[in-house]
Amino acid sequence: MTEQVSGVVESLEDLDPRVVFASHRHQVILAVRITPVFNTLDLGLAAAVIDTANQAGFALVREQTFRDEWLLCVFEAYDDLD
């Protein structure tokens, strides 16, 4: 098993896909910011993070809110999905 990586994404500029979704990784956990007003998810940001992961060969396998401010997203490499 390779290293697991985690990080925080408050804007798309916070995400460097070559580093986060490197080919030697099997799992990535990211916390995506939920806007504090009305506790709503920035769908544009979430979609961009998921699209970036998909392009890098990772699929969203789980998500869960955390402290009403974050959406925790677990991505796994396509090669590891059965």
N, C-alpha and C. Protein backbone atom coordinates (compact mmCIF):
# COMPACT_ATOMS: atom_id res chain seq x y z
N MET A 1 0.85 -1.18 0.00
CA MET A 1 0.00 0.00 0.00
C MET A 1 0.89 1.24 0.00
N THR A 2 0.51 2.22 -0.74
CA THR A 2 1.29 3.45 -0.82
C THR A 2 0.79 4.45 0.21
N GLU A 3 1.51 5.55 0.31
CA GLU A 3 1.11 6.59 1.24
C GLU A 3 -0.27 7.13 0.91
N GLN A 4 -0.98 7.50 1.96
CA GLN A 4 -2.28 8.15 1.80
C GLN A 4 -2.02 9.64 1.93
N VAL A 5 -2.67 10.42 1.12
CA VAL A 5 -2.48 11.86 1.18
C VAL A 5 -3.80 12.52 1.54
N SER A 6 -3.71 13.61 2.27
CA SER A 6 -4.91 14.37 2.61
C SER A 6 -4.59 15.84 2.47
N GLY A 7 -5.65 16.64 2.36
CA GLY A 7 -5.46 18.07 2.20
C GLY A 7 -6.76 18.82 2.32
N VAL A 8 -6.63 20.12 2.26
CA VAL A 8 -7.76 21.03 2.39
C VAL A 8 -7.89 21.83 1.10
N VAL A 9 -9.12 21.94 0.60
CA VAL A 9 -9.37 22.70 -0.62
C VAL A 9 -10.43 23.76 -0.32
N GLU A 10 -9.98 25.01 -0.26
CA GLU A 10 -10.92 26.12 -0.07
C GLU A 10 -11.22 26.81 -1.39
N SER A 11 -10.33 26.63 -2.35
CA SER A 11 -10.53 27.13 -3.71
C SER A 11 -9.75 26.20 -4.64
N LEU A 12 -10.07 26.25 -5.90
CA LEU A 12 -9.40 25.36 -6.85
C LEU A 12 -7.90 25.64 -6.93
N GLU A 13 -7.49 26.84 -6.59
CA GLU A 13 -6.06 27.18 -6.59
C GLU A 13 -5.30 26.40 -5.52
N ASP A 14 -6.01 25.88 -4.52
CA ASP A 14 -5.38 25.10 -3.45
C ASP A 14 -5.03 23.68 -3.89
N LEU A 15 -5.47 23.29 -5.07
CA LEU A 15 -5.33 21.92 -5.51
C LEU A 15 -4.32 21.82 -6.65
N ASP A 16 -3.22 21.12 -6.39
CA ASP A 16 -2.24 20.82 -7.43
C ASP A 16 -2.41 19.34 -7.79
N PRO A 17 -3.15 19.05 -8.86
CA PRO A 17 -3.49 17.65 -9.16
C PRO A 17 -2.28 16.75 -9.39
N ARG A 18 -1.19 17.29 -9.91
CA ARG A 18 0.00 16.45 -10.15
C ARG A 18 0.60 15.96 -8.84
N VAL A 19 0.48 16.76 -7.79
CA VAL A 19 1.02 16.37 -6.49
C VAL A 19 0.00 15.53 -5.72
N VAL A 20 -1.23 16.01 -5.64
CA VAL A 20 -2.26 15.34 -4.83
C VAL A 20 -2.65 14.00 -5.43
N PHE A 21 -2.92 13.97 -6.73
CA PHE A 21 -3.38 12.75 -7.39
C PHE A 21 -2.23 12.09 -8.16
N ALA A 22 -1.07 12.00 -7.53
CA ALA A 22 0.09 11.38 -8.16
C ALA A 22 -0.19 9.90 -8.44
N SER A 23 0.41 9.39 -9.49
CA SER A 23 0.11 8.01 -9.94
C SER A 23 0.54 6.95 -8.93
N HIS A 24 1.45 7.26 -8.03
CA HIS A 24 1.89 6.26 -7.05
C HIS A 24 0.94 6.15 -5.85
N ARG A 25 -0.08 7.00 -5.80
CA ARG A 25 -1.02 6.97 -4.69
C ARG A 25 -2.22 6.10 -5.02
N HIS A 26 -2.80 5.52 -3.98
CA HIS A 26 -4.00 4.70 -4.15
C HIS A 26 -5.23 5.36 -3.55
N GLN A 27 -5.02 6.25 -2.57
CA GLN A 27 -6.15 6.89 -1.91
C GLN A 27 -5.79 8.33 -1.56
N VAL A 28 -6.78 9.21 -1.72
CA VAL A 28 -6.61 10.63 -1.40
C VAL A 28 -7.85 11.06 -0.62
N ILE A 29 -7.62 11.77 0.48
CA ILE A 29 -8.71 12.33 1.27
C ILE A 29 -8.58 13.84 1.26
N LEU A 30 -9.64 14.50 0.80
CA LEU A 30 -9.64 15.95 0.73
C LEU A 30 -10.83 16.52 1.50
N ALA A 31 -10.59 17.62 2.18
CA ALA A 31 -11.66 18.36 2.83
C ALA A 31 -11.98 19.56 1.94
N VAL A 32 -13.19 19.59 1.39
CA VAL A 32 -13.62 20.67 0.50
C VAL A 32 -14.48 21.62 1.31
N ARG A 33 -14.18 22.89 1.24
CA ARG A 33 -14.86 23.91 2.04
C ARG A 33 -16.34 24.02 1.68
N ILE A 34 -17.19 24.02 2.69
CA ILE A 34 -18.60 24.34 2.53
C ILE A 34 -18.74 25.79 2.94
N THR A 35 -19.38 26.59 2.14
CA THR A 35 -19.48 28.01 2.45
C THR A 35 -20.19 28.20 3.79
N PRO A 36 -19.68 29.07 4.63
CA PRO A 36 -20.25 29.24 5.96
C PRO A 36 -21.65 29.83 5.97
N VAL A 37 -22.04 30.54 4.92
CA VAL A 37 -23.38 31.12 4.86
C VAL A 37 -24.35 30.03 4.42
N PHE A 38 -25.33 29.75 5.23
CA PHE A 38 -26.36 28.74 4.96
C PHE A 38 -25.82 27.32 4.86
N ASN A 39 -24.54 27.09 5.25
CA ASN A 39 -23.94 25.76 5.20
C ASN A 39 -24.21 25.05 3.87
N THR A 40 -23.96 25.74 2.79
CA THR A 40 -24.19 25.16 1.47
C THR A 40 -22.85 24.81 0.82
N LEU A 41 -22.89 23.80 0.01
CA LEU A 41 -21.70 23.37 -0.70
C LEU A 41 -21.55 24.18 -1.98
N ASP A 42 -20.36 24.65 -2.24
CA ASP A 42 -20.06 25.32 -3.50
C ASP A 42 -19.98 24.22 -4.57
N LEU A 43 -21.08 24.02 -5.28
CA LEU A 43 -21.13 22.93 -6.25
C LEU A 43 -20.09 23.08 -7.34
N GLY A 44 -19.77 24.30 -7.71
CA GLY A 44 -18.74 24.51 -8.72
C GLY A 44 -17.39 24.01 -8.23
N LEU A 45 -17.06 24.30 -6.99
CA LEU A 45 -15.78 23.84 -6.42
C LEU A 45 -15.78 22.32 -6.28
N ALA A 46 -16.85 21.76 -5.74
CA ALA A 46 -16.92 20.31 -5.57
C ALA A 46 -16.83 19.60 -6.91
N ALA A 47 -17.55 20.08 -7.91
CA ALA A 47 -17.51 19.47 -9.24
C ALA A 47 -16.12 19.58 -9.85
N ALA A 48 -15.47 20.71 -9.67
CA ALA A 48 -14.12 20.88 -10.21
C ALA A 48 -13.13 19.93 -9.55
N VAL A 49 -13.25 19.74 -8.24
CA VAL A 49 -12.36 18.81 -7.53
C VAL A 49 -12.61 17.38 -8.02
N ILE A 50 -13.87 17.00 -8.16
CA ILE A 50 -14.20 15.65 -8.62
C ILE A 50 -13.75 15.45 -10.06
N ASP A 51 -13.97 16.43 -10.93
CA ASP A 51 -13.51 16.33 -12.32
C ASP A 51 -11.99 16.20 -12.39
N THR A 52 -11.29 16.98 -11.57
CA THR A 52 -9.83 16.91 -11.54
C THR A 52 -9.37 15.53 -11.10
N ALA A 53 -10.03 14.99 -10.09
CA ALA A 53 -9.69 13.64 -9.62
C ALA A 53 -9.94 12.61 -10.71
N ASN A 54 -11.09 12.70 -11.37
CA ASN A 54 -11.43 11.76 -12.45
C ASN A 54 -10.40 11.81 -13.57
N GLN A 55 -9.98 13.00 -13.95
CA GLN A 55 -8.99 13.14 -15.02
C GLN A 55 -7.64 12.55 -14.62
N ALA A 56 -7.38 12.53 -13.30
CA ALA A 56 -6.12 11.98 -12.81
C ALA A 56 -6.21 10.48 -12.52
N GLY A 57 -7.40 9.89 -12.75
CA GLY A 57 -7.55 8.45 -12.56
C GLY A 57 -8.08 8.05 -11.19
N PHE A 58 -8.77 8.96 -10.51
CA PHE A 58 -9.33 8.68 -9.18
C PHE A 58 -10.84 8.87 -9.20
N ALA A 59 -11.53 8.03 -8.42
CA ALA A 59 -12.99 8.11 -8.32
C ALA A 59 -13.37 8.48 -6.89
N LEU A 60 -14.43 9.27 -6.75
CA LEU A 60 -14.98 9.59 -5.44
C LEU A 60 -15.71 8.36 -4.93
N VAL A 61 -15.28 7.83 -3.77
CA VAL A 61 -15.90 6.61 -3.24
C VAL A 61 -16.72 6.87 -1.99
N ARG A 62 -16.41 7.95 -1.25
CA ARG A 62 -17.17 8.29 -0.05
C ARG A 62 -17.09 9.78 0.18
N GLU A 63 -18.14 10.31 0.81
CA GLU A 63 -18.11 11.71 1.24
C GLU A 63 -18.95 11.83 2.51
N GLN A 64 -18.57 12.80 3.33
CA GLN A 64 -19.28 13.02 4.59
C GLN A 64 -18.99 14.44 5.06
N THR A 65 -20.00 15.09 5.61
CA THR A 65 -19.77 16.43 6.15
C THR A 65 -18.99 16.32 7.46
N PHE A 66 -18.23 17.36 7.74
CA PHE A 66 -17.41 17.42 8.95
C PHE A 66 -17.53 18.82 9.54
N ARG A 67 -18.04 18.91 10.74
CA ARG A 67 -18.18 20.17 11.48
C ARG A 67 -18.92 21.25 10.72
N ASP A 68 -19.84 20.91 9.89
CA ASP A 68 -20.67 21.86 9.14
C ASP A 68 -19.87 22.83 8.27
N GLU A 69 -18.59 22.63 8.14
CA GLU A 69 -17.76 23.53 7.34
C GLU A 69 -17.03 22.82 6.21
N TRP A 70 -16.98 21.51 6.26
CA TRP A 70 -16.18 20.76 5.30
C TRP A 70 -16.94 19.56 4.78
N LEU A 71 -16.65 19.21 3.54
CA LEU A 71 -17.12 17.96 2.95
C LEU A 71 -15.89 17.10 2.78
N LEU A 72 -15.80 16.02 3.56
CA LEU A 72 -14.66 15.12 3.44
C LEU A 72 -14.91 14.18 2.26
N CYS A 73 -13.97 14.15 1.35
CA CYS A 73 -14.09 13.34 0.13
C CYS A 73 -12.95 12.32 0.10
N VAL A 74 -13.31 11.07 -0.08
CA VAL A 74 -12.31 10.00 -0.20
C VAL A 74 -12.30 9.55 -1.66
N PHE A 75 -11.13 9.65 -2.27
CA PHE A 75 -10.93 9.24 -3.66
C PHE A 75 -10.02 8.02 -3.68
N GLU A 76 -10.32 7.08 -4.57
CA GLU A 76 -9.45 5.93 -4.76
C GLU A 76 -9.10 5.82 -6.24
N ALA A 77 -7.91 5.33 -6.48
CA ALA A 77 -7.45 5.16 -7.87
C ALA A 77 -8.34 4.15 -8.58
N TYR A 78 -8.63 4.39 -9.86
CA TYR A 78 -9.46 3.49 -10.65
C TYR A 78 -8.91 2.07 -10.61
N ASP A 79 -7.60 1.92 -10.63
CA ASP A 79 -6.96 0.60 -10.66
C ASP A 79 -7.29 -0.21 -9.42
N ASP A 80 -7.63 0.46 -8.30
CA ASP A 80 -7.90 -0.23 -7.05
C ASP A 80 -9.36 -0.55 -6.85
N LEU A 81 -10.23 -0.07 -7.72
CA LEU A 81 -11.67 -0.30 -7.59
C LEU A 81 -12.03 -1.65 -8.20
N ASP A 82 -12.79 -2.42 -7.48
CA ASP A 82 -13.23 -3.72 -8.00
C ASP A 82 -14.72 -3.81 -8.03
